[in-house]
Protein backbone atom coordinates (compact mmCIF):
# COMPACT_ATOMS: atom_id res chain seq x y z
CA UNK A 1 97.55 91.50 95.38
CA UNK A 2 100.39 89.56 97.01
CA UNK A 3 100.75 92.20 99.71
CA UNK A 4 97.02 92.04 100.36
CA UNK A 5 97.18 88.25 100.75
CA UNK A 6 100.17 88.53 103.11
CA UNK A 7 98.34 91.12 105.17
CA UNK A 8 95.25 88.90 105.36
CA UNK A 9 97.39 85.94 106.36
CA UNK A 10 99.23 87.97 109.03
CA UNK A 11 95.98 89.33 110.46
CA UNK A 12 94.61 85.79 110.54
CA UNK A 13 97.70 84.62 112.44
CA UNK A 14 97.25 87.35 115.06
CA UNK A 15 93.50 86.72 115.33
CA UNK A 16 93.95 82.97 115.70
CA UNK A 17 96.66 83.36 118.36
CA UNK A 18 94.70 85.93 120.34
CA UNK A 19 91.52 83.87 120.25
CA UNK A 20 93.32 80.68 121.25
CA UNK A 21 95.01 82.42 124.18
CA UNK A 22 92.06 84.47 125.43
CA UNK A 23 89.59 81.60 125.30
CA UNK A 24 91.37 80.25 128.36
CA UNK A 25 89.85 81.92 131.43
CA UNK A 26 93.14 82.36 133.27
CA UNK A 27 94.73 84.28 130.42
CA UNK A 28 91.56 86.25 129.70
CA UNK A 29 91.38 87.34 133.34
CA UNK A 30 95.08 88.16 133.37
CA UNK A 31 94.57 90.23 130.22
CA UNK A 32 91.63 92.15 131.70
CA UNK A 33 93.44 92.90 134.95
CA UNK A 34 96.62 93.99 133.17
CA UNK A 35 94.66 96.25 130.81
CA UNK A 36 93.06 98.07 133.74
CA UNK A 37 96.35 98.30 135.65
CA UNK A 38 98.26 99.65 132.63
CA UNK A 39 95.53 102.20 131.92
CA UNK A 40 95.44 103.39 135.52
CA UNK A 41 99.22 103.63 135.62
CA UNK A 42 99.16 105.68 132.42
CA UNK A 43 96.66 108.10 133.90
CA UNK A 44 97.81 108.34 137.52
CA UNK A 45 101.58 107.84 137.36
CA UNK A 46 102.43 111.18 135.69
CA UNK A 47 100.42 113.05 138.34
CA UNK A 48 102.12 111.14 141.12
CA UNK A 49 105.60 111.69 139.67
CA UNK A 50 104.97 115.41 139.17
CA UNK A 51 103.41 115.57 142.68
CA UNK A 52 100.30 117.29 141.37
CA UNK A 53 96.67 116.79 142.18
CA UNK A 54 94.93 114.04 140.26
CA UNK A 55 92.13 116.50 139.51
CA UNK A 56 94.58 118.66 137.58
CA UNK A 57 95.53 115.55 135.62
CA UNK A 58 91.89 114.88 134.74
CA UNK A 59 91.30 118.47 133.67
CA UNK A 60 94.36 118.60 131.41
CA UNK A 61 93.96 115.29 129.61
CA UNK A 62 91.93 115.30 126.40
CA UNK A 63 89.83 112.57 124.87
CA UNK A 64 92.75 111.72 122.55
CA UNK A 65 95.01 111.23 125.59
CA UNK A 66 92.57 108.84 127.25
CA UNK A 67 92.05 107.02 123.95
CA UNK A 68 95.78 106.59 123.36
CA UNK A 69 96.29 105.44 126.96
CA UNK A 70 93.49 102.90 126.52
CA UNK A 71 94.83 101.59 123.20
CA UNK A 72 98.34 101.23 124.53
CA UNK A 73 97.10 99.63 127.76
CA UNK A 74 95.15 96.99 125.83
CA UNK A 75 97.93 96.32 123.32
CA UNK A 76 100.64 96.20 126.02
CA UNK A 77 98.66 93.79 128.16
CA UNK A 78 97.88 91.64 125.11
CA UNK A 79 101.57 91.56 124.25
CA UNK A 80 102.49 90.59 127.80
CA UNK A 81 99.81 87.87 127.99
CA UNK A 82 100.93 86.40 124.65
CA UNK A 83 104.50 86.37 125.95
CA UNK A 84 103.53 84.57 129.17
CA UNK A 85 101.38 82.11 127.21
CA UNK A 86 104.23 81.32 124.81
CA UNK A 87 106.56 80.55 127.70
CA UNK A 88 104.05 78.55 129.77
CA UNK A 89 102.79 76.40 126.89
CA UNK A 90 106.07 75.66 125.15
CA UNK A 91 108.38 73.54 127.27
CA UNK A 92 110.99 73.28 124.52
CA UNK A 93 111.63 77.01 124.34
CA UNK A 94 115.31 77.79 124.19
CA UNK A 95 116.93 80.57 126.19
CA UNK A 96 117.66 82.39 122.94
CA UNK A 97 113.98 82.33 121.93
CA UNK A 98 112.88 83.55 125.36
CA UNK A 99 115.39 86.38 125.33
CA UNK A 100 114.35 87.35 121.78
CA UNK A 101 110.68 87.35 122.69
CA UNK A 102 111.47 89.17 125.92
CA UNK A 103 113.19 91.92 123.97
CA UNK A 104 110.08 92.20 121.82
CA UNK A 105 107.80 92.41 124.84
CA UNK A 106 109.90 94.98 126.63
CA UNK A 107 110.29 97.07 123.49
CA UNK A 108 106.52 96.96 123.22
CA UNK A 109 106.12 98.03 126.83
CA UNK A 110 108.73 100.76 126.34
CA UNK A 111 106.73 101.97 123.37
CA UNK A 112 103.70 102.21 125.63
CA UNK A 113 105.71 104.44 127.96
CA UNK A 114 106.62 106.56 124.94
CA UNK A 115 102.92 106.91 124.27
CA UNK A 116 102.70 109.10 127.34
CA UNK A 117 104.32 111.82 125.25
CA UNK A 118 100.91 112.52 123.75
CA UNK A 119 100.05 114.37 126.92
CA UNK A 120 101.97 117.59 127.49
CA UNK A 121 101.36 117.35 131.22
CA UNK A 122 102.91 113.88 131.30
CA UNK A 123 106.06 115.40 129.87
CA UNK A 124 106.60 117.24 133.16
CA UNK A 125 107.43 113.94 134.80
CA UNK A 126 109.63 112.90 131.89
CA UNK A 127 111.27 116.34 131.91
CA UNK A 128 112.60 115.75 135.40
CA UNK A 129 114.29 112.51 134.38
CA UNK A 130 115.57 113.27 130.88
CA UNK A 131 116.35 116.97 130.87
CA UNK A 132 115.00 119.86 128.87
CA UNK A 133 116.51 119.17 125.43
CA UNK A 134 115.16 115.65 125.13
CA UNK A 135 111.81 116.63 126.63
CA UNK A 136 111.34 119.43 124.11
CA UNK A 137 112.26 116.99 121.34
CA UNK A 138 109.58 114.60 122.62
CA UNK A 139 107.07 117.42 122.78
CA UNK A 140 107.80 118.55 119.21
CA UNK A 141 107.64 115.02 117.76
CA UNK A 142 105.05 113.37 119.98
CA UNK A 143 102.74 112.27 117.14
CA UNK A 144 105.60 110.62 115.25
CA UNK A 145 106.81 108.95 118.43
CA UNK A 146 103.28 107.70 119.11
CA UNK A 147 103.12 106.05 115.68
CA UNK A 148 106.58 104.50 116.06
CA UNK A 149 105.56 103.18 119.49
CA UNK A 150 102.37 101.75 118.01
CA UNK A 151 104.31 100.04 115.21
CA UNK A 152 106.76 98.53 117.71
CA UNK A 153 103.95 97.22 119.86
CA UNK A 154 101.96 95.76 116.96
CA UNK A 155 105.05 94.10 115.49
CA UNK A 156 105.82 92.57 118.88
CA UNK A 157 102.27 91.20 119.05
CA UNK A 158 102.59 89.83 115.51
CA UNK A 159 105.86 87.99 116.17
CA UNK A 160 104.55 86.54 119.43
CA UNK A 161 101.36 85.43 117.64
CA UNK A 162 103.42 83.80 114.91
CA UNK A 163 105.46 81.97 117.52
CA UNK A 164 102.30 80.74 119.25
CA UNK A 165 100.66 79.58 116.01
CA UNK A 166 103.84 77.82 114.85
CA UNK A 167 103.88 75.81 118.07
CA UNK A 168 100.14 75.19 118.23
CA UNK A 169 98.99 71.68 117.35
CA UNK A 170 95.24 72.39 117.59
CA UNK A 171 95.31 75.63 115.57
CA UNK A 172 94.50 75.29 111.88
CA UNK A 173 95.44 78.20 109.65
CA UNK A 174 94.03 78.04 106.14
């Protein structure tokens, strides 16, 4: 029961922060543009790095690949927009808080890059940079890595939302 109440409270914190940030047109537009850019980078960048035709990329990717790219694009852009909002709207942010939140954002963005391991074709590009041993490890454990990446990204969004709600005067959390 206590865990359920904490989960409800945490979800309410995230919802309240996201709504308060995205109701501002500038941040909503920034979020939409970033989501599209991150999705397009997820789809096109592996083909460009492997110097293959984009049509081969489209034929190899499955629905699950496009879905995971879309989820990570939306969550990564949301994380980035929350980070920018927390810096812009809090003039008393210390350097330590910015660096801590920055680590959270970049770990979230790194987890989105790790999400590209869901696509075997995308591993060709990673293979060239990391070598065969690590690439085969990624290929064997891509589902686990995807879930770890998702947890990192969601936790980064939660901590940024908590920071925004703690500094928000207008937000009322029951």
